[in-house]
PDB file of N, CA and C in Angstrom:
ATOM      1  N   MET A   1       0.851  -1.163   0.000  1.00  0.00           N
ATOM      2  CA  MET A   1       0.000   0.000   0.000  1.00  0.00           C
ATOM      3  C   MET A   1       0.895   1.223   0.000  1.00  0.00           C
ATOM      4  N   GLY A   2       0.600   2.137  -0.876  1.00  0.00           N
ATOM      5  CA  GLY A   2       1.402   3.342  -0.988  1.00  0.00           C
ATOM      6  C   GLY A   2       1.075   4.355   0.092  1.00  0.00           C
ATOM      7  N   LEU A   3       1.891   5.385   0.167  1.00  0.00           N
ATOM      8  CA  LEU A   3       1.715   6.419   1.174  1.00  0.00           C
ATOM      9  C   LEU A   3       0.397   7.157   0.994  1.00  0.00           C
ATOM     10  N   ILE A   4       0.089   7.524  -0.240  1.00  0.00           N
ATOM     11  CA  ILE A   4      -1.141   8.283  -0.510  1.00  0.00           C
ATOM     12  C   ILE A   4      -2.375   7.429  -0.201  1.00  0.00           C
ATOM     13  N   SER A   5      -2.390   6.195  -0.699  1.00  0.00           N
ATOM     14  CA  SER A   5      -3.561   5.350  -0.448  1.00  0.00           C
ATOM     15  C   SER A   5      -3.674   5.022   1.039  1.00  0.00           C
ATOM     16  N   GLY A   6      -2.544   4.865   1.712  1.00  0.00           N
ATOM     17  CA  GLY A   6      -2.561   4.625   3.153  1.00  0.00           C
ATOM     18  C   GLY A   6      -3.186   5.788   3.902  1.00  0.00           C
ATOM     19  N   LEU A   7      -2.840   6.994   3.508  1.00  0.00           N
ATOM     20  CA  LEU A   7      -3.404   8.173   4.160  1.00  0.00           C
ATOM     21  C   LEU A   7      -4.889   8.330   3.851  1.00  0.00           C
ATOM     22  N   LEU A   8      -5.260   8.045   2.599  1.00  0.00           N
ATOM     23  CA  LEU A   8      -6.666   8.182   2.228  1.00  0.00           C
ATOM     24  C   LEU A   8      -7.548   7.114   2.886  1.00  0.00           C
ATOM     25  N   LEU A   9      -7.029   5.926   3.057  1.00  0.00           N
ATOM     26  CA  LEU A   9      -7.814   4.841   3.633  1.00  0.00           C
ATOM     27  C   LEU A   9      -7.690   4.733   5.152  1.00  0.00           C
ATOM     28  N   PHE A  10      -6.853   5.572   5.753  1.00  0.00           N
ATOM     29  CA  PHE A  10      -6.650   5.520   7.198  1.00  0.00           C
ATOM     30  C   PHE A  10      -7.946   5.678   7.998  1.00  0.00           C
ATOM     31  N   PRO A  11      -8.854   6.566   7.606  1.00  0.00           N
ATOM     32  CA  PRO A  11     -10.107   6.688   8.369  1.00  0.00           C
ATOM     33  C   PRO A  11     -10.947   5.405   8.369  1.00  0.00           C
ATOM     34  N   LEU A  12     -10.714   4.517   7.418  1.00  0.00           N
ATOM     35  CA  LEU A  12     -11.476   3.270   7.359  1.00  0.00           C
ATOM     36  C   LEU A  12     -10.853   2.148   8.199  1.00  0.00           C
ATOM     37  N   ALA A  13      -9.703   2.395   8.791  1.00  0.00           N
ATOM     38  CA  ALA A  13      -9.010   1.360   9.560  1.00  0.00           C
ATOM     39  C   ALA A  13      -9.877   0.784  10.687  1.00  0.00           C
ATOM     40  N   PRO A  14     -10.605   1.600  11.452  1.00  0.00           N
ATOM     41  CA  PRO A  14     -11.451   1.005  12.501  1.00  0.00           C
ATOM     42  C   PRO A  14     -12.538   0.093  11.935  1.00  0.00           C
ATOM     43  N   VAL A  15     -13.080   0.452  10.798  1.00  0.00           N
ATOM     44  CA  VAL A  15     -14.113  -0.377  10.181  1.00  0.00           C
ATOM     45  C   VAL A  15     -13.518  -1.717   9.754  1.00  0.00           C
ATOM     46  N   ARG A  16     -12.338  -1.693   9.172  1.00  0.00           N
ATOM     47  CA  ARG A  16     -11.684  -2.945   8.773  1.00  0.00           C
ATOM     48  C   ARG A  16     -11.344  -3.790   9.992  1.00  0.00           C
ATOM     49  N   GLY A  17     -10.939  -3.138  11.077  1.00  0.00           N
ATOM     50  CA  GLY A  17     -10.624  -3.868  12.308  1.00  0.00           C
ATOM     51  C   GLY A  17     -11.854  -4.542  12.896  1.00  0.00           C
ATOM     52  N   VAL A  18     -12.962  -3.826  12.931  1.00  0.00           N
ATOM     53  CA  VAL A  18     -14.206  -4.398  13.449  1.00  0.00           C
ATOM     54  C   VAL A  18     -14.666  -5.536  12.544  1.00  0.00           C
ATOM     55  N   SER A  19     -14.522  -5.379  11.262  1.00  0.00           N
ATOM     56  CA  SER A  19     -14.903  -6.422  10.310  1.00  0.00           C
ATOM     57  C   SER A  19     -14.056  -7.675  10.530  1.00  0.00           C
ATOM     58  N   TRP A  20     -12.769  -7.504  10.741  1.00  0.00           N
ATOM     59  CA  TRP A  20     -11.874  -8.642  10.980  1.00  0.00           C
ATOM     60  C   TRP A  20     -12.257  -9.366  12.271  1.00  0.00           C
ATOM     61  N   ILE A  21     -12.549  -8.599  13.327  1.00  0.00           N
ATOM     62  CA  ILE A  21     -12.956  -9.199  14.596  1.00  0.00           C
ATOM     63  C   ILE A  21     -14.254  -9.976  14.427  1.00  0.00           C
ATOM     64  N   ALA A  22     -15.212  -9.417  13.695  1.00  0.00           N
ATOM     65  CA  ALA A  22     -16.485 -10.108  13.461  1.00  0.00           C
ATOM     66  C   ALA A  22     -16.260 -11.419  12.713  1.00  0.00           C
ATOM     67  N   GLU A  23     -15.374 -11.399  11.729  1.00  0.00           N
ATOM     68  CA  GLU A  23     -15.065 -12.625  10.985  1.00  0.00           C
ATOM     69  C   GLU A  23     -14.434 -13.675  11.895  1.00  0.00           C
ATOM     70  N   GLN A  24     -13.529 -13.255  12.773  1.00  0.00           N
ATOM     71  CA  GLN A  24     -12.890 -14.188  13.704  1.00  0.00           C
ATOM     72  C   GLN A  24     -13.911 -14.799  14.660  1.00  0.00           C
ATOM     73  N   LEU A  25     -14.836 -13.979  15.152  1.00  0.00           N
ATOM     74  CA  LEU A  25     -15.876 -14.477  16.046  1.00  0.00           C
ATOM     75  C   LEU A  25     -16.800 -15.462  15.339  1.00  0.00           C
ATOM     76  N   MET A  26     -17.150 -15.171  14.099  1.00  0.00           N
ATOM     77  CA  MET A  26     -18.001 -16.075  13.324  1.00  0.00           C
ATOM     78  C   MET A  26     -17.296 -17.407  13.081  1.00  0.00           C
ATOM     79  N   ASP A  27     -16.016 -17.359  12.758  1.00  0.00           N
ATOM     80  CA  ASP A  27     -15.252 -18.593  12.544  1.00  0.00           C
ATOM     81  C   ASP A  27     -15.179 -19.431  13.819  1.00  0.00           C
ATOM     82  N   ALA A  28     -14.946 -18.778  14.956  1.00  0.00           N
ATOM     83  CA  ALA A  28     -14.867 -19.496  16.231  1.00  0.00           C
ATOM     84  C   ALA A  28     -16.214 -20.116  16.590  1.00  0.00           C
ATOM     85  N   ALA A  29     -17.290 -19.375  16.383  1.00  0.00           N
ATOM     86  CA  ALA A  29     -18.629 -19.904  16.669  1.00  0.00           C
ATOM     87  C   ALA A  29     -18.950 -21.082  15.754  1.00  0.00           C
ATOM     88  N   ASP A  30     -18.576 -20.973  14.498  1.00  0.00           N
ATOM     89  CA  ASP A  30     -18.830 -22.046  13.541  1.00  0.00           C
ATOM     90  C   ASP A  30     -18.063 -23.312  13.927  1.00  0.00           C
ATOM     91  N   ARG A  31     -16.810 -23.148  14.341  1.00  0.00           N
ATOM     92  CA  ARG A  31     -16.024 -24.305  14.779  1.00  0.00           C
ATOM     93  C   ARG A  31     -16.649 -24.949  16.012  1.00  0.00           C
ATOM     94  N   GLN A  32     -17.145 -24.124  16.927  1.00  0.00           N
ATOM     95  CA  GLN A  32     -17.723 -24.652  18.152  1.00  0.00           C
ATOM     96  C   GLN A  32     -19.047 -25.362  17.874  1.00  0.00           C
ATOM     97  N   ILE A  33     -19.855 -24.826  16.998  1.00  0.00           N
ATOM     98  CA  ILE A  33     -21.145 -25.437  16.668  1.00  0.00           C
ATOM     99  C   ILE A  33     -20.951 -26.780  15.991  1.00  0.00           C
ATOM    100  N   HIS A  34     -19.907 -26.917  15.198  1.00  0.00           N
ATOM    101  CA  HIS A  34     -19.699 -28.133  14.429  1.00  0.00           C
ATOM    102  C   HIS A  34     -18.633 -29.060  15.028  1.00  0.00           C
ATOM    103  N   ASP A  35     -18.301 -28.870  16.297  1.00  0.00           N
ATOM    104  CA  ASP A  35     -17.303 -29.711  16.962  1.00  0.00           C
ATOM    105  C   ASP A  35     -17.970 -31.011  17.427  1.00  0.00           C
ATOM    106  N   PRO A  36     -17.603 -32.163  16.844  1.00  0.00           N
ATOM    107  CA  PRO A  36     -18.246 -33.429  17.229  1.00  0.00           C
ATOM    108  C   PRO A  36     -18.103 -33.751  18.720  1.00  0.00           C
ATOM    109  N   ALA A  37     -16.984 -33.420  19.321  1.00  0.00           N
ATOM    110  CA  ALA A  37     -16.790 -33.703  20.750  1.00  0.00           C
ATOM    111  C   ALA A  37     -17.778 -32.904  21.601  1.00  0.00           C
ATOM    112  N   LEU A  38     -18.026 -31.658  21.226  1.00  0.00           N
ATOM    113  CA  LEU A  38     -18.972 -30.820  21.953  1.00  0.00           C
ATOM    114  C   LEU A  38     -20.394 -31.357  21.785  1.00  0.00           C
ATOM    115  N   ILE A  39     -20.729 -31.790  20.591  1.00  0.00           N
ATOM    116  CA  ILE A  39     -22.069 -32.338  20.345  1.00  0.00           C
ATOM    117  C   ILE A  39     -22.257 -33.614  21.150  1.00  0.00           C
ATOM    118  N   ARG A  40     -21.237 -34.462  21.201  1.00  0.00           N
ATOM    119  CA  ARG A  40     -21.335 -35.687  22.001  1.00  0.00           C
ATOM    120  C   ARG A  40     -21.523 -35.354  23.488  1.00  0.00           C
ATOM    121  N   ALA A  41     -20.827 -34.341  23.964  1.00  0.00           N
ATOM    122  CA  ALA A  41     -20.978 -33.925  25.363  1.00  0.00           C
ATOM    123  C   ALA A  41     -22.392 -33.417  25.620  1.00  0.00           C
ATOM    124  N   GLN A  42     -22.956 -32.697  24.655  1.00  0.00           N
ATOM    125  CA  GLN A  42     -24.325 -32.222  24.799  1.00  0.00           C
ATOM    126  C   GLN A  42     -25.315 -33.382  24.803  1.00  0.00           C
ATOM    127  N   LEU A  43     -25.042 -34.410  24.002  1.00  0.00           N
ATOM    128  CA  LEU A  43     -25.898 -35.598  24.002  1.00  0.00           C
ATOM    129  C   LEU A  43     -25.843 -36.308  25.355  1.00  0.00           C
ATOM    130  N   THR A  44     -24.664 -36.398  25.926  1.00  0.00           N
ATOM    131  CA  THR A  44     -24.510 -37.019  27.235  1.00  0.00           C
ATOM    132  C   THR A  44     -25.272 -36.237  28.297  1.00  0.00           C
ATOM    133  N   LEU A  45     -25.135 -34.913  28.262  1.00  0.00           N
ATOM    134  CA  LEU A  45     -25.843 -34.062  29.206  1.00  0.00           C
ATOM    135  C   LEU A  45     -27.356 -34.187  29.014  1.00  0.00           C
ATOM    136  N   LEU A  46     -27.797 -34.241  27.774  1.00  0.00           N
ATOM    137  CA  LEU A  46     -29.220 -34.407  27.483  1.00  0.00           C
ATOM    138  C   LEU A  46     -29.738 -35.709  28.066  1.00  0.00           C
ATOM    139  N   ASN A  47     -28.983 -36.786  27.889  1.00  0.00           N
ATOM    140  CA  ASN A  47     -29.375 -38.082  28.434  1.00  0.00           C
ATOM    141  C   ASN A  47     -29.477 -38.023  29.959  1.00  0.00           C
ATOM    142  N   GLN A  48     -28.537 -37.363  30.589  1.00  0.00           N
ATOM    143  CA  GLN A  48     -28.557 -37.234  32.052  1.00  0.00           C
ATOM    144  C   GLN A  48     -29.773 -36.438  32.509  1.00  0.00           C
ATOM    145  N   GLU A  49     -30.084 -35.360  31.797  1.00  0.00           N
ATOM    146  CA  GLU A  49     -31.259 -34.555  32.135  1.00  0.00           C
ATOM    147  C   GLU A  49     -32.536 -35.383  32.035  1.00  0.00           C
ATOM    148  N   PHE A  50     -32.603 -36.230  30.993  1.00  0.00           N
ATOM    149  CA  PHE A  50     -33.779 -37.085  30.828  1.00  0.00           C
ATOM    150  C   PHE A  50     -33.865 -38.112  31.945  1.00  0.00           C
ATOM    151  N   GLU A  51     -32.740 -38.733  32.275  1.00  0.00           N
ATOM    152  CA  GLU A  51     -32.733 -39.737  33.343  1.00  0.00           C
ATOM    153  C   GLU A  51     -33.095 -39.131  34.698  1.00  0.00           C
ATOM    154  N   ASP A  52     -32.717 -37.875  34.900  1.00  0.00           N
ATOM    155  CA  ASP A  52     -33.037 -37.197  36.157  1.00  0.00           C
ATOM    156  C   ASP A  52     -34.489 -36.728  36.203  1.00  0.00           C
ATOM    157  N   GLY A  53     -35.209 -36.872  35.100  1.00  0.00           N
ATOM    158  CA  GLY A  53     -36.621 -36.500  35.064  1.00  0.00           C
ATOM    159  C   GLY A  53     -36.881 -35.037  34.761  1.00  0.00           C
ATOM    160  N   HIS A  54     -35.882 -34.320  34.257  1.00  0.00           N
ATOM    161  CA  HIS A  54     -36.055 -32.904  33.953  1.00  0.00           C
ATOM    162  C   HIS A  54     -36.651 -32.675  32.561  1.00  0.00           C
ATOM    163  N   LEU A  55     -36.695 -33.720  31.736  1.00  0.00           N
ATOM    164  CA  LEU A  55     -37.229 -33.610  30.377  1.00  0.00           C
ATOM    165  C   LEU A  55     -38.271 -34.697  30.145  1.00  0.00           C
ATOM    166  N   SER A  56     -39.286 -34.338  29.378  1.00  0.00           N
ATOM    167  CA  SER A  56     -40.247 -35.361  28.967  1.00  0.00           C
ATOM    168  C   SER A  56     -39.629 -36.155  27.814  1.00  0.00           C
ATOM    169  N   LEU A  57     -40.252 -37.284  27.485  1.00  0.00           N
ATOM    170  CA  LEU A  57     -39.757 -38.106  26.387  1.00  0.00           C
ATOM    171  C   LEU A  57     -39.787 -37.342  25.073  1.00  0.00           C
ATOM    172  N   GLU A  58     -40.861 -36.558  24.845  1.00  0.00           N
ATOM    173  CA  GLU A  58     -40.955 -35.782  23.597  1.00  0.00           C
ATOM    174  C   GLU A  58     -39.851 -34.736  23.506  1.00  0.00           C
ATOM    175  N   GLU A  59     -39.602 -34.033  24.621  1.00  0.00           N
ATOM    176  CA  GLU A  59     -38.542 -33.025  24.634  1.00  0.00           C
ATOM    177  C   GLU A  59     -37.182 -33.677  24.381  1.00  0.00           C
ATOM    178  N   PHE A  60     -36.971 -34.806  25.038  1.00  0.00           N
ATOM    179  CA  PHE A  60     -35.720 -35.524  24.869  1.00  0.00           C
ATOM    180  C   PHE A  60     -35.512 -35.933  23.419  1.00  0.00           C
ATOM    181  N   GLU A  61     -36.523 -36.551  22.821  1.00  0.00           N
ATOM    182  CA  GLU A  61     -36.389 -37.032  21.442  1.00  0.00           C
ATOM    183  C   GLU A  61     -36.202 -35.886  20.454  1.00  0.00           C
ATOM    184  N   GLU A  62     -36.888 -34.781  20.683  1.00  0.00           N
ATOM    185  CA  GLU A  62     -36.753 -33.625  19.790  1.00  0.00           C
ATOM    186  C   GLU A  62     -35.331 -33.056  19.842  1.00  0.00           C
ATOM    187  N   GLU A  63     -34.820 -32.861  21.052  1.00  0.00           N
ATOM    188  CA  GLU A  63     -33.462 -32.315  21.208  1.00  0.00           C
ATOM    189  C   GLU A  63     -32.417 -33.307  20.725  1.00  0.00           C
ATOM    190  N   GLU A  64     -32.640 -34.590  20.989  1.00  0.00           N
ATOM    191  CA  GLU A  64     -31.717 -35.618  20.531  1.00  0.00           C
ATOM    192  C   GLU A  64     -31.625 -35.609  19.000  1.00  0.00           C
ATOM    193  N   GLU A  65     -32.762 -35.514  18.351  1.00  0.00           N
ATOM    194  CA  GLU A  65     -32.783 -35.490  16.883  1.00  0.00           C
ATOM    195  C   GLU A  65     -32.020 -34.278  16.347  1.00  0.00           C
ATOM    196  N   ARG A  66     -32.231 -33.123  16.994  1.00  0.00           N
ATOM    197  CA  ARG A  66     -31.524 -31.907  16.566  1.00  0.00           C
ATOM    198  C   ARG A  66     -30.013 -32.067  16.726  1.00  0.00           C
ATOM    199  N   LEU A  67     -29.579 -32.613  17.843  1.00  0.00           N
ATOM    200  CA  LEU A  67     -28.143 -32.797  18.075  1.00  0.00           C
ATOM    201  C   LEU A  67     -27.553 -33.843  17.133  1.00  0.00           C
ATOM    202  N   LEU A  68     -28.282 -34.928  16.894  1.00  0.00           N
ATOM    203  CA  LEU A  68     -27.782 -35.952  15.976  1.00  0.00           C
ATOM    204  C   LEU A  68     -27.720 -35.426  14.543  1.00  0.00           C
ATOM    205  N   ASP A  69     -28.664 -34.564  14.169  1.00  0.00           N
ATOM    206  CA  ASP A  69     -28.598 -33.927  12.845  1.00  0.00           C
ATOM    207  C   ASP A  69     -27.357 -33.050  12.736  1.00  0.00           C
ATOM    208  N   ARG A  70     -27.059 -32.294  13.808  1.00  0.00           N
ATOM    209  CA  ARG A  70     -25.840 -31.478  13.807  1.00  0.00           C
ATOM    210  C   ARG A  70     -24.603 -32.349  13.700  1.00  0.00           C
ATOM    211  N   LEU A  71     -24.619 -33.500  14.365  1.00  0.00           N
ATOM    212  CA  LEU A  71     -23.483 -34.415  14.294  1.00  0.00           C
ATOM    213  C   LEU A  71     -23.316 -34.946  12.876  1.00  0.00           C
ATOM    214  N   ASP A  72     -24.425 -35.252  12.217  1.00  0.00           N
ATOM    215  CA  ASP A  72     -24.367 -35.693  10.823  1.00  0.00           C
ATOM    216  C   ASP A  72     -23.758 -34.615   9.931  1.00  0.00           C
ATOM    217  N   GLU A  73     -24.111 -33.353  10.187  1.00  0.00           N
ATOM    218  CA  GLU A  73     -23.604 -32.236   9.379  1.00  0.00           C
ATOM    219  C   GLU A  73     -22.097 -32.063   9.522  1.00  0.00           C
ATOM    220  N   THR A  74     -21.537 -32.485  10.633  1.00  0.00           N
ATOM    221  CA  THR A  74     -20.098 -32.303  10.838  1.00  0.00           C
ATOM    222  C   THR A  74     -19.285 -33.212   9.941  1.00  0.00           C
ATOM    223  N   GLY A  75     -19.930 -34.257   9.426  1.00  0.00           N
ATOM    224  CA  GLY A  75     -19.182 -35.203   8.598  1.00  0.00           C
ATOM    225  C   GLY A  75     -18.206 -35.998   9.443  1.00  0.00           C
ATOM    226  N   ALA A  76     -18.602 -36.297  10.676  1.00  0.00           N
ATOM    227  CA  ALA A  76     -17.713 -36.998  11.603  1.00  0.00           C
ATOM    228  C   ALA A  76     -17.389 -38.403  11.121  1.00  0.00           C
ATOM    229  N   GLY A  77     -18.086 -38.896  10.148  1.00  0.00           N
ATOM    230  CA  GLY A  77     -17.791 -40.216   9.611  1.00  0.00           C
ATOM    231  C   GLY A  77     -19.061 -40.987   9.356  1.00  0.00           C
ATOM    232  N   PRO A  78     -18.996 -41.960   8.465  1.00  0.00           N
ATOM    233  CA  PRO A  78     -20.186 -42.735   8.169  1.00  0.00           C
ATOM    234  C   PRO A  78     -20.604 -43.560   9.369  1.00  0.00           C
ATOM    235  N   GLY A  79     -21.886 -43.563   9.637  1.00  0.00           N
ATOM    236  CA  GLY A  79     -22.405 -44.333  10.756  1.00  0.00           C
ATOM    237  C   GLY A  79     -22.169 -43.703  12.112  1.00  0.00           C
ATOM    238  N   GLU A  80     -21.642 -42.509  12.147  1.00  0.00           N
ATOM    239  CA  GLU A  80     -21.334 -41.853  13.420  1.00  0.00           C
ATOM    240  C   GLU A  80     -22.607 -41.625  14.226  1.00  0.00           C
ATOM    241  N   ARG A  81     -23.687 -41.304  13.549  1.00  0.00           N
ATOM    242  CA  ARG A  81     -24.940 -41.036  14.237  1.00  0.00           C
ATOM    243  C   ARG A  81     -25.398 -42.258  15.032  1.00  0.00           C
ATOM    244  N   SER A  82     -25.444 -43.415  14.406  1.00  0.00           N
ATOM    245  CA  SER A  82     -25.913 -44.609  15.116  1.00  0.00           C
ATOM    246  C   SER A  82     -24.915 -45.048  16.171  1.00  0.00           C
ATOM    247  N   LYS A  83     -23.631 -44.909  15.887  1.00  0.00           N
ATOM    248  CA  LYS A  83     -22.606 -45.308  16.860  1.00  0.00           C
ATOM    249  C   LYS A  83     -22.716 -44.455  18.117  1.00  0.00           C
ATOM    250  N   VAL A  84     -22.892 -43.138  17.943  1.00  0.00           N
ATOM    251  CA  VAL A  84     -22.994 -42.244  19.086  1.00  0.00           C
ATOM    252  C   VAL A  84     -24.293 -42.507  19.834  1.00  0.00           C
ATOM    253  N   ALA A  85     -25.382 -42.677  19.116  1.00  0.00           N
ATOM    254  CA  ALA A  85     -26.674 -42.882  19.764  1.00  0.00           C
ATOM    255  C   ALA A  85     -26.655 -44.149  20.611  1.00  0.00           C
ATOM    256  N   HIS A  86     -26.040 -45.201  20.120  1.00  0.00           N
ATOM    257  CA  HIS A  86     -26.038 -46.451  20.861  1.00  0.00           C
ATOM    258  C   HIS A  86     -24.981 -46.476  21.960  1.00  0.00           C
ATOM    259  N   SER A  87     -23.953 -45.683  21.855  1.00  0.00           N
ATOM    260  CA  SER A  87     -22.880 -45.746  22.833  1.00  0.00           C
ATOM    261  C   SER A  87     -23.255 -45.055  24.143  1.00  0.00           C
ATOM    262  N   TRP A  88     -24.091 -44.060  24.123  1.00  0.00           N
ATOM    263  CA  TRP A  88     -24.393 -43.333  25.351  1.00  0.00           C
ATOM    264  C   TRP A  88     -25.829 -43.481  25.806  1.00  0.00           C
ATOM    265  N   MET A  89     -26.699 -43.924  24.918  1.00  0.00           N
ATOM    266  CA  MET A  89     -28.112 -43.902  25.226  1.00  0.00           C
ATOM    267  C   MET A  89     -28.514 -45.116  26.065  1.00  0.00           C
ATOM    268  N   LYS A  90     -29.227 -44.846  27.144  1.00  0.00           N
ATOM    269  CA  LYS A  90     -29.717 -45.895  28.016  1.00  0.00           C
ATOM    270  C   LYS A  90     -31.233 -45.981  27.970  1.00  0.00           C
ATOM    271  N   VAL A  91     -31.847 -45.111  27.178  1.00  0.00           N
ATOM    272  CA  VAL A  91     -33.295 -45.047  27.095  1.00  0.00           C
ATOM    273  C   VAL A  91     -33.784 -46.076  26.109  1.00  0.00           C
ATOM    274  N   PRO A  92     -34.705 -46.966  26.510  1.00  0.00           N
ATOM    275  CA  PRO A  92     -35.218 -47.956  25.547  1.00  0.00           C
ATOM    276  C   PRO A  92     -36.051 -47.296  24.480  1.00  0.00           C
ATOM    277  N   ARG A  93     -35.911 -47.765  23.282  1.00  0.00           N
ATOM    278  CA  ARG A  93     -36.666 -47.228  22.144  1.00  0.00           C
ATOM    279  C   ARG A  93     -37.829 -48.097  21.828  1.00  0.00           C
TER     280      ARG A  93
END
């Protein structure tokens, strides 16, 4: 960047900085939403909540389906959905 263009674009520096920060936050949130380990932990917590009686069967199944769909979206591997569901689930179907 030349001296003249640097001086002319200097007032836009805060806008570029805020834009960069927003992009970094979006990337971090996206990584966290699609982290298979985090989704598995949420499934475990969901199962515990159901076993403790804090969730009805309908609430449990709805949230479980949403989390398993997110796990499928991560591309964690073929059959990951059934493997995860059977490895932690104690609720009879």
